[in-house]
Amino acid sequence: MKYILYARKSTEEDDRQVLSIEAQLVELQEYAAKEKLEIVASFQEAKTAKEPGRIKFAEMLSLIQRGKADGIISWHPDRLARNSVDGGKIIHFVDRGLIKSLKFPTFWFEATPQGLFMLNIAFGQSKYFVDNLRENVKRGLRQKIRNGVWPGWAPVGYLNNAKTRGIDVDSEKAPKVRKMFEMYATGAYTLHSLANWCKEKGLRGNLGKEIALSNAQSILQNIFYIGLMKYGGEIHEGQHEPLISKKLFDKCQEVMSKRGKVQEVHKNDFAFLGLMKCASCGCSITAEKQKGHNYYRCTKKKGLCQEKHYLREEALAEQITSYLQKVSLSSQDTEKVLAALDSEQEKARQDAQAEVGVLKEQLASVETKLAKLLDVYLADALCTEEYAAKKQSLMSQKMSLSEKITDFETKGLSWLEPAREFVLSLNQAAKLIEENNLSELPTFLKTIGSNHVLENRKFVFAPKIQYELVAESAKRADKLREANQNSLTFPFWCAGEDSNLQALAGATTSR
């Protein structure tokens, strides 16, 4: 009899089951010497046997099939197979007479019907052990998810805590990951440029690999960074600390949906190129220089167009300046309004408590819906896909409401900060007029409105509601200034009235 020695451990990791292979080899060699068995080959393998496809196992069967050996020595039948395919091959080889003997120090076997029956049972027990272990592990992972703990490797920016079995923020990588989101949300960076930025800043994955383009995209799409976890197609709330706000995450998804492409701005002498479309045909407005002056016209790429006239740049700038004068606020009045807003800060925090109460009621309603949704799912009234989709929607609402509550509790009434930004933008309009900086006008116009078109040599666009209100009340503001020279020039500011900030809030929150 010629035997092949086969030893196997279940993992390829060097720091796990380190002594398993060595211990098997020593025990099997001593057993072979004691039984006076001739060993013609030895195979060692570090791979699980729960699935077929082991290379060394296949080589061993190939040697036996070619007649180089007719027996196997192994520690236990579960070292040979824990799946029905490999176990079936061993039994089939015994039936064909290719394997005449199987030797195990811990298991009896003879090539008889009773021996094959016991071998079948041993292989079946081995498979049952793996299957049962798999289900137990899955159950444990599902329970960790229910407890809000991620059961796998932490994404970059976080670390697995071996002591608490939880997820901690990586103080070194987390700021860089957060910066990635902030950069991408601006729309000025592509995934490729972000990958290069990670390389420059030394940001690598938790396994030390560089952040490739696909890795950067996965990071930006991972809801783990806003405190949620997606496991088995279902969204769960995590106990780990979020790195970014949901608002920032949603902004990144919006940018990514547009493929993150940023149009290159070509350097030229035409200040308003790329700002407008033709009102008649929708083509872009191009520019050209004639006799020392810049003119704007329709490109007419779609054929005939009703817009046949050129518009001189000076005339276009005059139209834009005329509008900006209606929505401008002097630096002196800007300081007064900002000071008034600052004085309202504490009162705003008190007023915010009522709003927080409403938001908490909405949050409780969402949580109730989540509980009812689970009951409906457990009653088999919803399929898994419908349940996962509805739960994801409710979890998104819950995150948004939680963030709003936090903002109200920490910052006060939510319109204060947008109000300040609005007032500063009005002051920016005044500065642009004063400086006569044409190159900055397109950016500002895109900020305060949309749908910029050229119609019958007239510049037309749709301003945001708050700027539209200011522009429409410009004439009324002129009359108020004439009637009361000491009143503020800000259109919504009326001396002696408590509704000033409320009017300002109405204008800003409607944006």
Protein backbone atom coordinates (compact mmCIF):
# COMPACT_ATOMS: atom_id res chain seq x y z
CA MET A 1 0.00 0.00 0.00
CA LYS A 2 1.20 3.48 -0.93
CA TYR A 3 -0.30 6.38 0.99
CA ILE A 4 -0.60 10.12 0.48
CA LEU A 5 -0.48 12.27 3.62
CA TYR A 6 -3.01 15.14 3.55
CA ALA A 7 -3.13 17.94 6.15
CA ARG A 8 -5.39 20.97 6.01
CA LYS A 9 -6.38 24.00 8.04
CA SER A 10 -9.39 26.21 7.33
CA THR A 11 -7.79 29.63 6.86
CA GLU A 12 -4.99 31.15 4.82
CA GLU A 13 -4.18 33.74 7.49
CA ASP A 14 -0.81 33.05 9.05
CA ASP A 15 -1.82 34.29 12.51
CA ARG A 16 -4.78 31.91 12.82
CA GLN A 17 -4.57 28.13 13.38
CA VAL A 18 -0.77 28.51 13.28
CA LEU A 19 -0.04 25.10 14.86
CA SER A 20 -2.80 23.22 13.05
CA ILE A 21 -0.78 22.04 10.01
CA GLU A 22 2.39 21.38 12.01
CA ALA A 23 0.50 19.41 14.67
CA GLN A 24 -1.28 17.29 12.05
CA LEU A 25 1.97 16.48 10.25
CA VAL A 26 3.72 15.34 13.45
CA GLU A 27 0.77 13.22 14.59
CA LEU A 28 0.24 11.66 11.14
CA GLN A 29 3.93 10.84 10.64
CA GLU A 30 4.08 9.16 14.05
CA TYR A 31 0.89 7.25 13.21
CA ALA A 32 2.33 6.12 9.85
CA ALA A 33 5.56 4.95 11.49
CA LYS A 34 3.64 3.05 14.13
CA GLU A 35 1.40 1.33 11.56
CA LYS A 36 4.34 0.82 9.14
CA LEU A 37 2.62 2.73 6.33
CA GLU A 38 4.56 3.86 3.26
CA ILE A 39 4.05 7.56 2.44
CA VAL A 40 4.83 8.46 -1.20
CA ALA A 41 3.60 12.07 -1.18
CA SER A 42 2.49 14.77 1.24
CA PHE A 43 0.06 17.63 0.64
CA GLN A 44 -0.61 20.60 2.90
CA GLU A 45 -3.42 23.08 2.30
CA ALA A 46 -4.66 26.22 4.05
CA LYS A 47 -8.16 26.54 2.67
CA THR A 48 -11.69 25.85 3.83
CA ALA A 49 -13.31 22.60 2.71
CA LYS A 50 -16.88 23.90 2.84
CA GLU A 51 -16.72 24.61 -0.91
CA PRO A 52 -15.17 22.46 -3.69
CA GLY A 53 -12.17 23.74 -5.62
CA ARG A 54 -9.10 23.03 -3.45
CA ILE A 55 -5.98 22.81 -5.63
CA LYS A 56 -3.91 20.41 -3.47
CA PHE A 57 -6.91 18.15 -2.91
CA ALA A 58 -7.41 17.92 -6.68
CA GLU A 59 -3.70 17.11 -7.18
CA MET A 60 -3.95 14.32 -4.60
CA LEU A 61 -6.93 12.74 -6.35
CA SER A 62 -5.09 13.06 -9.69
CA LEU A 63 -2.11 11.06 -8.31
CA ILE A 64 -4.46 8.38 -7.02
CA GLN A 65 -6.30 8.22 -10.36
CA ARG A 66 -2.97 7.72 -12.16
CA GLY A 67 -2.12 4.82 -9.83
CA LYS A 68 0.72 6.56 -7.99
CA ALA A 69 -0.95 5.81 -4.65
CA ASP A 70 -3.92 3.81 -3.39
CA GLY A 71 -4.51 5.19 0.10
CA ILE A 72 -4.84 8.45 2.08
CA ILE A 73 -3.72 9.30 5.60
CA SER A 74 -5.47 12.26 7.23
CA TRP A 75 -6.34 13.37 10.75
CA HIS A 76 -10.12 13.08 10.34
CA PRO A 77 -12.63 12.80 7.44
CA ASP A 78 -13.52 16.50 7.97
CA ARG A 79 -9.93 17.35 6.84
CA LEU A 80 -10.75 15.76 3.47
CA ALA A 81 -14.21 17.22 2.88
CA ARG A 82 -16.90 19.40 4.42
CA ASN A 83 -19.01 19.55 1.25
CA SER A 84 -21.02 16.93 -0.61
CA VAL A 85 -19.01 17.22 -3.87
CA ASP A 86 -15.58 16.42 -2.44
CA GLY A 87 -17.02 13.83 -0.06
CA GLY A 88 -18.77 12.18 -2.99
CA LYS A 89 -15.48 12.03 -4.95
CA ILE A 90 -13.74 10.19 -2.10
CA ILE A 91 -16.57 7.65 -1.81
CA HIS A 92 -16.70 7.27 -5.61
CA PHE A 93 -12.94 6.55 -5.70
CA VAL A 94 -13.43 3.90 -2.99
CA ASP A 95 -16.29 2.32 -4.98
CA ARG A 96 -14.10 2.16 -8.11
CA GLY A 97 -11.22 0.63 -6.17
CA LEU A 98 -8.90 3.56 -6.79
CA ILE A 99 -8.73 4.18 -3.05
CA LYS A 100 -8.18 0.92 -1.26
CA SER A 101 -7.50 2.31 2.20
CA LEU A 102 -8.25 5.42 4.26
CA LYS A 103 -6.34 5.84 7.53
CA PHE A 104 -7.40 8.24 10.31
CA PRO A 105 -5.87 8.25 13.82
CA THR A 106 -9.24 9.39 15.21
CA PHE A 107 -11.67 7.49 12.96
CA TRP A 108 -12.10 3.85 11.92
CA PHE A 109 -12.63 2.97 8.25
CA GLU A 110 -12.64 -0.18 6.11
CA ALA A 111 -13.67 -0.50 2.46
CA THR A 112 -16.85 -2.39 3.29
CA PRO A 113 -20.51 -1.39 2.99
CA GLN A 114 -20.52 -0.64 6.71
CA GLY A 115 -17.28 1.36 6.42
CA LEU A 116 -18.66 3.41 3.50
CA PHE A 117 -21.87 4.03 5.45
CA MET A 118 -19.90 5.33 8.44
CA LEU A 119 -17.73 7.46 6.13
CA ASN A 120 -20.88 8.93 4.58
CA ILE A 121 -22.10 9.78 8.08
CA ALA A 122 -18.75 11.39 8.95
CA PHE A 123 -18.83 13.54 5.80
CA GLY A 124 -22.48 14.40 6.49
CA GLN A 125 -21.64 15.43 10.06
CA SER A 126 -18.78 17.58 8.78
CA LYS A 127 -21.08 19.34 6.33
CA TYR A 128 -23.75 19.76 9.01
CA PHE A 129 -21.16 21.35 11.32
CA VAL A 130 -20.22 23.91 8.64
CA ASP A 131 -23.84 24.62 7.70
CA ASN A 132 -24.88 25.00 11.33
CA LEU A 133 -21.86 27.19 12.07
CA ARG A 134 -22.74 29.39 9.09
CA GLU A 135 -26.29 29.90 10.35
CA ASN A 136 -25.08 30.65 13.87
CA VAL A 137 -22.61 33.20 12.54
CA LYS A 138 -25.28 34.82 10.36
CA ARG A 139 -27.64 35.00 13.33
CA GLY A 140 -24.92 36.67 15.39
CA LEU A 141 -24.19 39.16 12.62
CA ARG A 142 -27.87 40.00 12.26
CA GLN A 143 -28.10 40.64 16.01
CA LYS A 144 -25.07 42.94 15.88
CA ILE A 145 -26.77 44.89 13.10
CA ARG A 146 -29.97 45.16 15.17
CA ASN A 147 -27.86 46.52 18.02
CA GLY A 148 -26.45 49.16 15.67
CA VAL A 149 -22.95 47.64 15.47
CA TRP A 150 -21.29 47.03 12.11
CA PRO A 151 -20.26 43.33 11.97
CA GLY A 152 -17.56 43.64 9.32
CA TRP A 153 -14.39 45.59 8.60
CA ALA A 154 -14.74 49.30 9.27
CA PRO A 155 -14.59 51.58 6.20
CA VAL A 156 -11.71 54.01 5.82
CA GLY A 157 -12.04 56.76 8.42
CA TYR A 158 -13.07 54.28 11.11
CA LEU A 159 -11.33 51.54 13.09
CA ASN A 160 -12.49 48.21 14.50
CA ASN A 161 -12.17 48.24 18.29
CA ALA A 162 -11.00 44.78 19.32
CA LYS A 163 -11.94 45.36 22.98
CA THR A 164 -15.47 46.75 22.62
CA ARG A 165 -16.18 44.97 19.30
CA GLY A 166 -17.47 48.34 18.09
CA ILE A 167 -16.46 50.93 15.51
CA ASP A 168 -14.36 53.96 16.49
CA VAL A 169 -13.50 57.08 14.50
CA ASP A 170 -9.96 57.06 13.10
CA SER A 171 -8.64 60.43 14.32
CA GLU A 172 -5.96 60.47 11.61
CA LYS A 173 -8.00 59.48 8.54
CA ALA A 174 -11.46 60.82 9.46
CA PRO A 175 -10.66 64.52 8.74
CA LYS A 176 -9.31 63.58 5.30
CA VAL A 177 -12.38 61.50 4.48
CA ARG A 178 -14.61 64.38 5.60
CA LYS A 179 -12.58 66.73 3.38
CA MET A 180 -13.18 64.38 0.44
CA PHE A 181 -16.94 64.82 0.81
CA GLU A 182 -16.62 68.59 1.19
CA MET A 183 -14.43 68.87 -1.91
CA TYR A 184 -16.66 66.69 -4.06
CA ALA A 185 -19.80 68.53 -2.96
CA THR A 186 -18.47 71.73 -4.54
CA GLY A 187 -18.71 70.08 -7.97
CA ALA A 188 -15.20 71.25 -8.79
CA TYR A 189 -13.54 67.85 -8.33
CA THR A 190 -13.86 64.62 -10.29
CA LEU A 191 -13.42 61.16 -8.80
CA HIS A 192 -10.06 60.94 -10.54
CA SER A 193 -8.85 64.20 -8.99
CA LEU A 194 -10.04 63.00 -5.57
CA ALA A 195 -8.09 59.76 -5.97
CA ASN A 196 -4.98 61.81 -6.79
CA TRP A 197 -5.65 64.04 -3.78
CA CYS A 198 -5.81 60.96 -1.53
CA LYS A 199 -2.47 59.85 -2.91
CA GLU A 200 -0.92 63.26 -2.27
CA LYS A 201 -2.29 63.41 1.28
CA GLY A 202 -1.27 59.84 2.05
CA LEU A 203 -4.82 58.65 2.64
CA ARG A 204 -4.94 54.88 2.22
CA GLY A 205 -7.43 52.14 2.97
CA ASN A 206 -7.37 50.29 6.27
CA LEU A 207 -5.36 47.51 4.61
CA GLY A 208 -2.75 49.98 3.40
CA LYS A 209 -3.85 50.03 -0.24
CA GLU A 210 -4.12 53.27 -2.21
CA ILE A 211 -7.54 54.87 -2.73
CA ALA A 212 -8.29 54.18 -6.39
CA LEU A 213 -11.02 55.86 -8.43
CA SER A 214 -13.53 53.10 -7.68
CA ASN A 215 -12.66 53.27 -3.96
CA ALA A 216 -13.27 57.02 -3.93
CA GLN A 217 -16.69 56.48 -5.49
CA SER A 218 -17.55 53.76 -2.95
CA ILE A 219 -16.59 56.07 -0.08
CA LEU A 220 -18.77 58.90 -1.40
CA GLN A 221 -21.74 56.53 -1.79
CA ASN A 222 -21.39 54.80 1.58
CA ILE A 223 -24.22 55.75 3.96
CA PHE A 224 -22.08 54.49 6.84
CA TYR A 225 -20.56 57.98 7.05
CA ILE A 226 -23.95 59.52 8.02
CA GLY A 227 -24.61 56.96 10.75
CA LEU A 228 -26.57 54.39 8.73
CA MET A 229 -25.63 50.85 7.69
CA LYS A 230 -26.77 48.82 4.70
CA TYR A 231 -26.72 45.10 5.38
CA GLY A 232 -28.50 42.42 3.38
CA GLY A 233 -30.22 45.06 1.26
CA GLU A 234 -31.77 46.68 4.37
CA ILE A 235 -30.95 50.01 6.02
CA HIS A 236 -30.19 50.05 9.75
CA GLU A 237 -29.30 52.82 12.18
CA GLY A 238 -25.77 52.53 13.57
CA GLN A 239 -24.32 53.44 16.96
CA HIS A 240 -21.08 54.74 15.45
CA GLU A 241 -20.36 58.47 15.20
CA PRO A 242 -21.26 59.99 11.81
CA LEU A 243 -18.42 61.73 10.00
CA ILE A 244 -20.60 63.99 7.85
CA SER A 245 -24.13 65.40 7.80
CA LYS A 246 -26.88 63.94 5.65
CA LYS A 247 -27.14 67.31 3.87
CA LEU A 248 -23.51 67.05 2.74
CA PHE A 249 -23.99 63.41 1.74
CA ASP A 250 -27.08 64.24 -0.34
CA LYS A 251 -25.20 67.06 -2.03
CA CYS A 252 -22.45 64.62 -3.05
CA GLN A 253 -25.03 62.21 -4.47
CA GLU A 254 -26.55 65.07 -6.45
CA VAL A 255 -23.16 65.96 -7.88
CA MET A 256 -22.44 62.32 -8.67
CA SER A 257 -25.78 61.90 -10.42
CA LYS A 258 -24.59 64.58 -12.79
CA ARG A 259 -21.40 62.51 -13.14
CA GLY A 260 -19.39 65.14 -11.36
CA LYS A 261 -18.44 66.80 -14.60
CA VAL A 262 -17.42 70.41 -14.39
CA GLN A 263 -17.39 72.49 -17.53
CA GLU A 264 -14.04 74.05 -18.18
CA VAL A 265 -14.06 77.82 -18.30
CA HIS A 266 -12.05 79.07 -21.22
CA LYS A 267 -9.98 82.16 -20.56
CA ASN A 268 -10.95 85.03 -22.84
CA ASP A 269 -11.97 88.67 -22.85
CA PHE A 270 -15.70 87.95 -22.88
CA ALA A 271 -17.02 88.43 -19.34
CA PHE A 272 -20.51 86.99 -19.92
CA LEU A 273 -19.68 84.05 -22.19
CA GLY A 274 -21.33 80.87 -20.92
CA LEU A 275 -23.92 82.74 -18.85
CA MET A 276 -26.88 82.93 -21.24
CA LYS A 277 -28.95 80.90 -23.67
CA CYS A 278 -31.02 82.14 -26.56
CA ALA A 279 -34.64 82.71 -25.53
CA SER A 280 -35.94 81.75 -28.99
CA CYS A 281 -34.08 78.56 -29.91
CA GLY A 282 -32.24 77.57 -26.73
CA CYS A 283 -28.78 77.69 -28.30
CA SER A 284 -25.82 79.11 -26.43
CA ILE A 285 -24.96 82.76 -26.67
CA THR A 286 -21.53 83.32 -28.20
CA ALA A 287 -19.38 86.44 -28.30
CA GLU A 288 -17.09 88.10 -30.79
CA LYS A 289 -15.01 91.24 -30.99
CA GLN A 290 -15.71 93.87 -33.65
CA LYS A 291 -14.03 97.25 -33.94
CA GLY A 292 -12.70 97.04 -30.40
CA HIS A 293 -16.03 96.13 -28.79
CA ASN A 294 -17.46 92.82 -27.56
CA TYR A 295 -20.82 91.69 -28.95
CA TYR A 296 -23.09 88.81 -27.90
CA ARG A 297 -25.37 86.85 -30.24
CA CYS A 298 -27.04 83.47 -30.72
CA THR A 299 -24.87 80.69 -32.17
CA LYS A 300 -27.84 79.56 -34.35
CA LYS A 301 -26.61 75.97 -34.28
CA LYS A 302 -30.18 74.68 -34.53
CA GLY A 303 -30.93 76.59 -37.72
CA LEU A 304 -32.94 79.74 -38.22
CA CYS A 305 -33.46 81.89 -35.13
CA GLN A 306 -35.56 84.98 -34.46
CA GLU A 307 -32.78 86.55 -32.41
CA LYS A 308 -30.87 88.24 -35.22
CA HIS A 309 -29.42 91.20 -33.38
CA TYR A 310 -26.11 91.66 -31.61
CA LEU A 311 -25.93 93.06 -28.09
CA ARG A 312 -22.94 95.13 -27.14
CA GLU A 313 -21.21 94.14 -23.88
CA GLU A 314 -21.49 97.63 -22.41
CA ALA A 315 -25.28 97.59 -22.93
CA LEU A 316 -25.53 94.10 -21.38
CA ALA A 317 -23.45 95.20 -18.37
CA GLU A 318 -25.70 98.25 -17.96
CA GLN A 319 -28.83 96.06 -17.86
CA ILE A 320 -27.26 93.75 -15.29
CA THR A 321 -26.03 96.67 -13.16
CA SER A 322 -29.48 98.23 -13.28
CA TYR A 323 -30.98 95.07 -11.77
CA LEU A 324 -28.23 94.71 -9.17
CA GLN A 325 -28.88 98.24 -7.96
CA LYS A 326 -32.37 97.08 -6.98
CA VAL A 327 -31.00 94.22 -4.86
CA SER A 328 -27.99 95.96 -3.34
CA LEU A 329 -27.42 97.06 0.24
CA SER A 330 -24.74 99.49 1.36
CA SER A 331 -22.04 98.40 3.80
CA GLN A 332 -23.35 100.79 6.45
CA ASP A 333 -26.89 99.40 6.30
CA THR A 334 -25.51 95.85 6.10
CA GLU A 335 -23.80 96.35 9.47
CA LYS A 336 -27.04 97.64 10.99
CA VAL A 337 -29.10 94.71 9.76
CA LEU A 338 -26.50 92.17 10.86
CA ALA A 339 -26.36 93.79 14.30
CA ALA A 340 -30.13 93.53 14.55
CA LEU A 341 -29.98 89.87 13.60
CA ASP A 342 -27.34 89.26 16.25
CA SER A 343 -29.57 90.86 18.89
CA GLU A 344 -32.34 88.46 17.91
CA GLN A 345 -30.13 85.39 18.38
CA GLU A 346 -31.23 84.55 21.92
CA LYS A 347 -34.89 85.19 21.20
CA ALA A 348 -34.58 82.99 18.15
CA ARG A 349 -33.30 80.12 20.28
CA GLN A 350 -36.32 80.40 22.53
CA ASP A 351 -38.69 80.52 19.58
CA ALA A 352 -36.97 77.47 18.16
CA GLN A 353 -38.17 75.30 21.03
CA ALA A 354 -41.67 75.25 19.60
CA GLU A 355 -40.31 74.21 16.21
CA VAL A 356 -38.18 71.52 17.88
CA GLY A 357 -41.32 70.16 19.52
CA VAL A 358 -43.02 69.87 16.13
CA LEU A 359 -39.98 68.15 14.64
CA LYS A 360 -39.82 65.69 17.54
CA GLU A 361 -43.48 64.82 16.99
CA GLN A 362 -42.69 64.18 13.32
CA LEU A 363 -39.70 62.07 14.35
CA ALA A 364 -41.85 60.02 16.72
CA SER A 365 -44.36 59.53 13.91
CA VAL A 366 -41.61 58.20 11.62
CA GLU A 367 -40.37 55.84 14.33
CA THR A 368 -43.93 54.57 14.79
CA LYS A 369 -44.21 53.97 11.07
CA LEU A 370 -40.94 52.00 11.17
CA ALA A 371 -42.30 49.80 13.94
CA LYS A 372 -45.58 49.25 12.09
CA LEU A 373 -43.67 48.53 8.88
CA LEU A 374 -41.76 45.76 10.66
CA ASP A 375 -45.01 44.28 11.96
CA VAL A 376 -46.48 44.29 8.45
CA TYR A 377 -43.33 42.64 7.09
CA LEU A 378 -43.34 39.96 9.78
CA ALA A 379 -46.99 39.29 8.93
CA ASP A 380 -45.89 38.48 5.36
CA ALA A 381 -47.92 41.39 3.96
CA LEU A 382 -44.82 42.84 2.25
CA CYS A 383 -42.10 41.21 0.20
CA THR A 384 -38.47 41.75 1.17
CA GLU A 385 -37.83 44.25 -1.63
CA GLU A 386 -40.86 46.40 -0.73
CA TYR A 387 -39.94 46.31 2.95
CA ALA A 388 -36.33 47.33 2.27
CA ALA A 389 -37.39 50.21 -0.02
CA LYS A 390 -39.99 51.60 2.42
CA LYS A 391 -37.61 51.24 5.35
CA GLN A 392 -34.85 53.06 3.48
CA SER A 393 -37.22 55.97 2.78
CA LEU A 394 -38.32 56.17 6.42
CA MET A 395 -34.73 55.92 7.69
CA SER A 396 -33.76 58.80 5.39
CA GLN A 397 -36.64 60.89 6.81
CA LYS A 398 -35.56 60.00 10.33
CA MET A 399 -31.98 61.11 9.70
CA SER A 400 -33.13 64.41 8.17
CA LEU A 401 -35.45 65.16 11.10
CA SER A 402 -32.74 64.28 13.64
CA GLU A 403 -30.30 66.65 11.94
CA LYS A 404 -32.90 69.45 11.88
CA ILE A 405 -33.60 68.98 15.58
CA THR A 406 -29.87 69.15 16.32
CA ASP A 407 -29.51 72.29 14.22
CA PHE A 408 -32.42 74.01 15.99
CA GLU A 409 -31.16 73.06 19.45
CA THR A 410 -27.62 74.25 18.78
CA LYS A 411 -28.09 77.17 16.38
CA GLY A 412 -31.53 78.53 17.19
CA LEU A 413 -34.09 79.43 14.56
CA SER A 414 -32.92 78.07 11.24
CA TRP A 415 -33.55 81.21 9.20
CA LEU A 416 -30.94 83.30 11.04
CA GLU A 417 -27.89 81.96 9.22
CA PRO A 418 -29.53 82.07 5.75
CA ALA A 419 -30.72 85.58 6.62
CA ARG A 420 -27.16 86.67 7.32
CA GLU A 421 -25.98 85.10 4.07
CA PHE A 422 -28.79 86.85 2.22
CA VAL A 423 -27.91 90.25 3.68
CA LEU A 424 -24.24 89.74 2.84
CA SER A 425 -25.16 88.80 -0.73
CA LEU A 426 -27.07 92.10 -1.06
CA ASN A 427 -23.96 93.88 0.12
CA GLN A 428 -21.91 91.88 -2.39
CA ALA A 429 -24.15 93.22 -5.17
CA ALA A 430 -23.36 96.76 -4.04
CA LYS A 431 -19.63 96.02 -4.04
CA LEU A 432 -19.77 94.51 -7.54
CA ILE A 433 -21.44 97.66 -8.81
CA GLU A 434 -18.88 99.85 -7.06
CA GLU A 435 -15.88 97.87 -8.30
CA ASN A 436 -17.32 97.41 -11.81
CA ASN A 437 -15.82 93.91 -11.89
CA LEU A 438 -17.55 92.30 -14.89
CA SER A 439 -15.80 88.94 -14.53
CA GLU A 440 -17.44 88.34 -11.11
CA LEU A 441 -20.96 89.19 -12.29
CA PRO A 442 -21.79 85.82 -14.00
CA THR A 443 -20.97 83.85 -10.84
CA PHE A 444 -23.12 86.13 -8.71
CA LEU A 445 -26.00 86.03 -11.19
CA LYS A 446 -25.94 82.21 -11.21
CA THR A 447 -26.04 82.28 -7.41
CA ILE A 448 -29.11 84.49 -7.13
CA GLY A 449 -31.13 83.01 -10.02
CA SER A 450 -31.40 80.65 -12.99
CA ASN A 451 -32.54 80.40 -16.63
CA HIS A 452 -30.43 83.31 -17.86
CA VAL A 453 -31.45 84.11 -21.44
CA LEU A 454 -31.07 86.81 -24.05
CA GLU A 455 -34.41 87.88 -25.51
CA ASN A 456 -34.76 90.71 -28.04
CA ARG A 457 -31.44 92.15 -26.86
CA LYS A 458 -32.67 92.09 -23.28
CA PHE A 459 -31.07 90.15 -20.43
CA VAL A 460 -33.75 88.11 -18.65
CA PHE A 461 -33.48 85.55 -15.84
CA ALA A 462 -35.51 84.01 -13.01
CA PRO A 463 -34.24 85.35 -9.67
CA LYS A 464 -34.78 83.46 -6.45
CA ILE A 465 -37.89 84.52 -4.60
CA GLN A 466 -36.11 86.62 -1.96
CA TYR A 467 -34.22 88.65 -4.58
CA GLU A 468 -37.38 89.03 -6.62
CA LEU A 469 -39.19 90.44 -3.58
CA VAL A 470 -36.36 92.89 -2.97
CA ALA A 471 -36.34 94.03 -6.60
CA GLU A 472 -40.11 94.47 -6.73
CA SER A 473 -40.07 96.54 -3.56
CA ALA A 474 -37.19 98.75 -4.72
CA LYS A 475 -39.54 101.54 -5.85
CA ARG A 476 -41.41 101.38 -2.56
CA ALA A 477 -38.09 101.54 -0.71
CA ASP A 478 -37.19 104.72 -2.63
CA LYS A 479 -40.43 106.31 -1.48
CA LEU A 480 -39.77 105.24 2.11
CA ARG A 481 -36.29 106.74 2.00
CA GLU A 482 -37.70 110.01 0.72
CA ALA A 483 -40.29 110.05 3.52
CA ASN A 484 -37.86 109.14 6.26
CA GLN A 485 -34.20 109.89 5.60
CA ASN A 486 -33.19 108.18 8.84
CA SER A 487 -34.73 104.83 8.01
CA LEU A 488 -32.65 101.96 6.72
CA THR A 489 -32.33 101.52 2.98
CA PHE A 490 -32.99 97.80 3.34
CA PRO A 491 -36.34 97.25 1.53
CA PHE A 492 -37.90 95.09 4.28
CA TRP A 493 -36.73 97.32 7.14
CA CYS A 494 -39.46 99.58 8.55
CA ALA A 495 -38.54 101.78 11.52
CA GLY A 496 -40.43 101.09 14.72
CA GLU A 497 -41.99 97.82 13.57
CA ASP A 498 -41.37 94.44 15.24
CA SER A 499 -42.08 92.60 12.02
CA ASN A 500 -38.76 93.58 10.41
CA LEU A 501 -36.95 90.35 11.15
CA GLN A 502 -40.07 88.31 10.47
CA ALA A 503 -40.25 89.86 7.03
CA LEU A 504 -36.59 89.16 6.52
CA ALA A 505 -37.15 85.58 7.68
CA GLY A 506 -40.01 85.19 5.24
CA ALA A 507 -37.81 86.34 2.42
CA THR A 508 -34.84 84.20 3.32
CA THR A 509 -36.60 80.96 4.24
CA SER A 510 -38.50 81.01 0.98
CA ARG A 511 -35.28 80.71 -0.91
